[in-house]
Amino acid sequence: MKINHNAIAGTLESSDIQVMIEPTENGIHIDLQSSVIAQYGEQIKQTVTEVLKNLEVENARVVCIDKGALECTIRSRVQTAVLRASDMKENIPWGTKL
């Protein structure tokens, strides 16, 4: 899936994560800010990477500001940001790649 423009999903509220995505030509780059980065940073990055891989995103810069989000919330926010940035409005692959 091609990232066409910047997009954002999520909030900075407690138990949420804000995911910002922008197009690049240099592969995947993830910037993570989290109060629990020492405990869960690698797991959060792994979840973000897995969602991007499943959606076939090859080039993107992703900035995540985590406020204690659960894994299901992280997945949801990354998926939403990718779909918004790719302008996908029809034939969304629910249940297959997501």
N, C-alpha and C. Protein backbone atom coordinates (compact mmCIF):
# COMPACT_ATOMS: atom_id res chain seq x y z
N MET A 1 0.85 -1.16 0.00
CA MET A 1 0.00 0.00 0.00
C MET A 1 0.90 1.23 0.00
N LYS A 2 0.60 2.17 -0.83
CA LYS A 2 1.42 3.38 -0.95
C LYS A 2 0.87 4.49 -0.06
N ILE A 3 1.77 5.11 0.68
CA ILE A 3 1.41 6.24 1.53
C ILE A 3 1.49 7.49 0.64
N ASN A 4 0.35 8.14 0.43
CA ASN A 4 0.28 9.29 -0.48
C ASN A 4 0.54 10.62 0.21
N HIS A 5 0.15 10.73 1.48
CA HIS A 5 0.29 11.99 2.19
C HIS A 5 0.28 11.72 3.69
N ASN A 6 0.54 12.74 4.48
CA ASN A 6 0.54 12.60 5.93
C ASN A 6 -0.86 12.29 6.44
N ALA A 7 -0.92 11.51 7.51
CA ALA A 7 -2.20 11.22 8.16
C ALA A 7 -1.95 10.96 9.63
N ILE A 8 -3.01 11.07 10.40
CA ILE A 8 -2.91 10.89 11.85
C ILE A 8 -4.12 10.11 12.35
N ALA A 9 -3.89 9.34 13.42
CA ALA A 9 -4.98 8.62 14.07
C ALA A 9 -4.67 8.55 15.55
N GLY A 10 -5.69 8.60 16.37
CA GLY A 10 -5.52 8.49 17.80
C GLY A 10 -5.43 9.84 18.49
N THR A 11 -5.30 9.78 19.82
CA THR A 11 -5.25 10.98 20.63
C THR A 11 -4.07 10.89 21.60
N LEU A 12 -3.91 11.93 22.37
CA LEU A 12 -2.88 11.94 23.41
C LEU A 12 -3.48 11.69 24.79
N GLU A 13 -4.67 11.13 24.81
CA GLU A 13 -5.35 10.81 26.07
C GLU A 13 -4.73 9.56 26.69
N SER A 14 -4.93 9.39 27.97
CA SER A 14 -4.45 8.21 28.66
C SER A 14 -5.01 6.94 28.03
N SER A 15 -4.21 5.90 27.94
CA SER A 15 -4.58 4.60 27.37
C SER A 15 -4.79 4.63 25.86
N ASP A 16 -4.26 5.63 25.19
CA ASP A 16 -4.38 5.73 23.73
C ASP A 16 -2.97 5.89 23.15
N ILE A 17 -2.90 5.94 21.85
CA ILE A 17 -1.65 6.19 21.15
C ILE A 17 -1.96 7.06 19.93
N GLN A 18 -1.14 8.06 19.70
CA GLN A 18 -1.31 8.89 18.51
C GLN A 18 -0.28 8.41 17.49
N VAL A 19 -0.76 8.08 16.31
CA VAL A 19 0.09 7.57 15.24
C VAL A 19 0.03 8.55 14.08
N MET A 20 1.20 9.07 13.72
CA MET A 20 1.32 9.96 12.57
C MET A 20 2.17 9.25 11.52
N ILE A 21 1.74 9.29 10.27
CA ILE A 21 2.46 8.61 9.21
C ILE A 21 2.68 9.58 8.06
N GLU A 22 3.83 9.45 7.42
CA GLU A 22 4.13 10.31 6.27
C GLU A 22 4.92 9.50 5.24
N PRO A 23 4.80 9.88 3.98
CA PRO A 23 5.51 9.14 2.94
C PRO A 23 7.01 9.42 2.97
N THR A 24 7.79 8.41 2.63
CA THR A 24 9.23 8.54 2.45
C THR A 24 9.63 7.62 1.31
N GLU A 25 10.89 7.66 0.96
CA GLU A 25 11.42 6.75 -0.06
C GLU A 25 12.52 5.87 0.52
N ASN A 26 12.65 5.86 1.85
CA ASN A 26 13.78 5.19 2.50
C ASN A 26 13.38 4.00 3.35
N GLY A 27 12.34 3.28 3.01
CA GLY A 27 11.91 2.15 3.83
C GLY A 27 11.04 2.59 4.99
N ILE A 28 11.01 1.78 6.02
CA ILE A 28 10.19 2.04 7.20
C ILE A 28 11.07 2.61 8.31
N HIS A 29 10.60 3.70 8.91
CA HIS A 29 11.30 4.29 10.05
C HIS A 29 10.24 4.59 11.12
N ILE A 30 10.46 4.07 12.32
CA ILE A 30 9.50 4.24 13.41
C ILE A 30 10.15 5.05 14.54
N ASP A 31 9.51 6.16 14.90
CA ASP A 31 9.91 6.96 16.07
C ASP A 31 8.87 6.72 17.15
N LEU A 32 9.31 6.28 18.31
CA LEU A 32 8.40 5.98 19.41
C LEU A 32 8.72 6.81 20.63
N GLN A 33 7.69 7.44 21.17
CA GLN A 33 7.78 8.12 22.46
C GLN A 33 6.77 7.44 23.37
N SER A 34 7.23 7.02 24.54
CA SER A 34 6.34 6.32 25.45
C SER A 34 6.89 6.38 26.86
N SER A 35 6.00 6.50 27.83
CA SER A 35 6.43 6.48 29.23
C SER A 35 6.81 5.07 29.67
N VAL A 36 6.45 4.07 28.88
CA VAL A 36 6.78 2.69 29.20
C VAL A 36 7.72 2.08 28.16
N ILE A 37 8.53 2.93 27.54
CA ILE A 37 9.41 2.46 26.46
C ILE A 37 10.40 1.42 26.95
N ALA A 38 10.89 1.56 28.18
CA ALA A 38 11.86 0.60 28.72
C ALA A 38 11.24 -0.80 28.85
N GLN A 39 9.97 -0.86 29.23
CA GLN A 39 9.30 -2.14 29.42
C GLN A 39 8.69 -2.70 28.13
N TYR A 40 8.09 -1.84 27.32
CA TYR A 40 7.30 -2.31 26.18
C TYR A 40 7.69 -1.73 24.82
N GLY A 41 8.76 -0.96 24.77
CA GLY A 41 9.14 -0.30 23.53
C GLY A 41 9.32 -1.24 22.35
N GLU A 42 10.06 -2.32 22.56
CA GLU A 42 10.29 -3.26 21.45
C GLU A 42 9.00 -3.95 21.01
N GLN A 43 8.13 -4.27 21.96
CA GLN A 43 6.86 -4.90 21.63
C GLN A 43 5.97 -3.94 20.84
N ILE A 44 5.95 -2.68 21.22
CA ILE A 44 5.16 -1.68 20.49
C ILE A 44 5.69 -1.54 19.06
N LYS A 45 7.01 -1.42 18.91
CA LYS A 45 7.61 -1.31 17.57
C LYS A 45 7.33 -2.55 16.73
N GLN A 46 7.39 -3.72 17.36
CA GLN A 46 7.10 -4.96 16.65
C GLN A 46 5.66 -4.99 16.15
N THR A 47 4.73 -4.54 16.97
CA THR A 47 3.32 -4.49 16.57
C THR A 47 3.12 -3.53 15.41
N VAL A 48 3.71 -2.35 15.48
CA VAL A 48 3.60 -1.36 14.40
C VAL A 48 4.19 -1.94 13.12
N THR A 49 5.36 -2.55 13.21
CA THR A 49 6.01 -3.14 12.03
C THR A 49 5.16 -4.24 11.42
N GLU A 50 4.56 -5.07 12.26
CA GLU A 50 3.72 -6.17 11.76
C GLU A 50 2.51 -5.65 11.00
N VAL A 51 1.86 -4.63 11.53
CA VAL A 51 0.70 -4.05 10.85
C VAL A 51 1.12 -3.46 9.51
N LEU A 52 2.23 -2.73 9.48
CA LEU A 52 2.71 -2.14 8.23
C LEU A 52 3.03 -3.22 7.21
N LYS A 53 3.67 -4.30 7.67
CA LYS A 53 4.00 -5.41 6.77
C LYS A 53 2.74 -6.06 6.22
N ASN A 54 1.75 -6.31 7.09
CA ASN A 54 0.50 -6.92 6.64
C ASN A 54 -0.23 -6.07 5.61
N LEU A 55 -0.09 -4.75 5.73
CA LEU A 55 -0.73 -3.83 4.78
C LEU A 55 0.16 -3.52 3.58
N GLU A 56 1.32 -4.18 3.53
CA GLU A 56 2.27 -4.04 2.42
C GLU A 56 2.77 -2.60 2.25
N VAL A 57 2.99 -1.92 3.37
CA VAL A 57 3.58 -0.59 3.36
C VAL A 57 5.09 -0.78 3.34
N GLU A 58 5.75 -0.22 2.34
CA GLU A 58 7.19 -0.40 2.20
C GLU A 58 7.99 0.86 2.54
N ASN A 59 7.38 2.02 2.40
CA ASN A 59 8.08 3.27 2.65
C ASN A 59 7.19 4.19 3.47
N ALA A 60 7.63 4.48 4.69
CA ALA A 60 6.85 5.39 5.54
C ALA A 60 7.67 5.75 6.78
N ARG A 61 7.42 6.93 7.26
CA ARG A 61 7.94 7.34 8.57
C ARG A 61 6.73 7.37 9.49
N VAL A 62 6.84 6.67 10.62
CA VAL A 62 5.74 6.56 11.56
C VAL A 62 6.20 7.12 12.91
N VAL A 63 5.45 8.08 13.42
CA VAL A 63 5.73 8.66 14.73
C VAL A 63 4.60 8.23 15.66
N CYS A 64 4.97 7.55 16.74
CA CYS A 64 3.99 7.06 17.70
C CYS A 64 4.24 7.72 19.05
N ILE A 65 3.19 8.30 19.60
CA ILE A 65 3.26 8.87 20.95
C ILE A 65 2.29 8.05 21.79
N ASP A 66 2.87 7.16 22.57
CA ASP A 66 2.09 6.19 23.35
C ASP A 66 1.77 6.72 24.74
N LYS A 67 0.53 6.53 25.12
CA LYS A 67 0.08 6.91 26.47
C LYS A 67 -0.47 5.69 27.21
N GLY A 68 0.14 4.53 26.97
CA GLY A 68 -0.27 3.31 27.66
C GLY A 68 -1.33 2.52 26.93
N ALA A 69 -1.29 2.55 25.60
CA ALA A 69 -2.30 1.85 24.80
C ALA A 69 -2.10 0.34 24.81
N LEU A 70 -3.21 -0.38 24.76
CA LEU A 70 -3.17 -1.82 24.61
C LEU A 70 -2.81 -2.17 23.16
N GLU A 71 -2.38 -3.41 22.94
CA GLU A 71 -1.96 -3.83 21.60
C GLU A 71 -3.08 -3.66 20.57
N CYS A 72 -4.32 -3.98 20.93
CA CYS A 72 -5.42 -3.85 19.98
C CYS A 72 -5.62 -2.39 19.58
N THR A 73 -5.40 -1.47 20.50
CA THR A 73 -5.51 -0.05 20.19
C THR A 73 -4.38 0.39 19.28
N ILE A 74 -3.18 -0.10 19.52
CA ILE A 74 -2.03 0.23 18.67
C ILE A 74 -2.30 -0.23 17.24
N ARG A 75 -2.75 -1.47 17.10
CA ARG A 75 -3.06 -2.01 15.76
C ARG A 75 -4.12 -1.15 15.06
N SER A 76 -5.16 -0.83 15.77
CA SER A 76 -6.25 -0.04 15.20
C SER A 76 -5.78 1.33 14.74
N ARG A 77 -4.98 1.99 15.55
CA ARG A 77 -4.50 3.34 15.20
C ARG A 77 -3.55 3.30 14.01
N VAL A 78 -2.67 2.31 13.95
CA VAL A 78 -1.76 2.21 12.81
C VAL A 78 -2.54 1.92 11.53
N GLN A 79 -3.48 1.00 11.60
CA GLN A 79 -4.31 0.68 10.43
C GLN A 79 -5.06 1.90 9.94
N THR A 80 -5.66 2.64 10.85
CA THR A 80 -6.43 3.82 10.48
C THR A 80 -5.54 4.87 9.83
N ALA A 81 -4.37 5.11 10.40
CA ALA A 81 -3.45 6.09 9.82
C ALA A 81 -3.02 5.68 8.41
N VAL A 82 -2.72 4.41 8.22
CA VAL A 82 -2.31 3.92 6.90
C VAL A 82 -3.44 4.08 5.89
N LEU A 83 -4.64 3.67 6.26
CA LEU A 83 -5.77 3.77 5.33
C LEU A 83 -6.07 5.23 4.98
N ARG A 84 -5.97 6.13 5.95
CA ARG A 84 -6.18 7.55 5.67
C ARG A 84 -5.09 8.09 4.74
N ALA A 85 -3.85 7.70 4.99
CA ALA A 85 -2.72 8.20 4.20
C ALA A 85 -2.69 7.64 2.79
N SER A 86 -3.32 6.51 2.59
CA SER A 86 -3.35 5.89 1.25
C SER A 86 -4.62 6.22 0.49
N ASP A 87 -5.52 6.97 1.12
CA ASP A 87 -6.80 7.35 0.51
C ASP A 87 -7.68 6.15 0.17
N MET A 88 -7.51 5.05 0.86
CA MET A 88 -8.34 3.88 0.61
C MET A 88 -9.72 4.09 1.23
N LYS A 89 -10.75 4.08 0.39
CA LYS A 89 -12.11 4.29 0.87
C LYS A 89 -13.05 3.16 0.47
N GLU A 90 -12.61 2.34 -0.48
CA GLU A 90 -13.42 1.23 -0.94
C GLU A 90 -12.59 -0.04 -0.94
N ASN A 91 -13.26 -1.18 -0.88
CA ASN A 91 -12.60 -2.48 -0.92
C ASN A 91 -11.52 -2.61 0.16
N ILE A 92 -11.81 -2.11 1.34
CA ILE A 92 -10.87 -2.22 2.45
C ILE A 92 -10.77 -3.69 2.83
N PRO A 93 -9.55 -4.20 2.97
CA PRO A 93 -9.37 -5.65 3.20
C PRO A 93 -9.65 -6.10 4.63
N TRP A 94 -10.83 -5.78 5.16
CA TRP A 94 -11.16 -6.17 6.53
C TRP A 94 -11.08 -7.67 6.68
N GLY A 95 -10.44 -8.11 7.72
CA GLY A 95 -10.40 -9.54 8.03
C GLY A 95 -9.35 -10.32 7.27
N THR A 96 -8.72 -9.74 6.28
CA THR A 96 -7.71 -10.48 5.54
C THR A 96 -6.32 -9.99 5.92
N LYS A 97 -5.95 -8.81 5.49
CA LYS A 97 -4.63 -8.27 5.77
C LYS A 97 -4.59 -7.51 7.10
N LEU A 98 -5.73 -7.07 7.56
CA LEU A 98 -5.74 -6.30 8.79
C LEU A 98 -5.80 -7.22 9.96
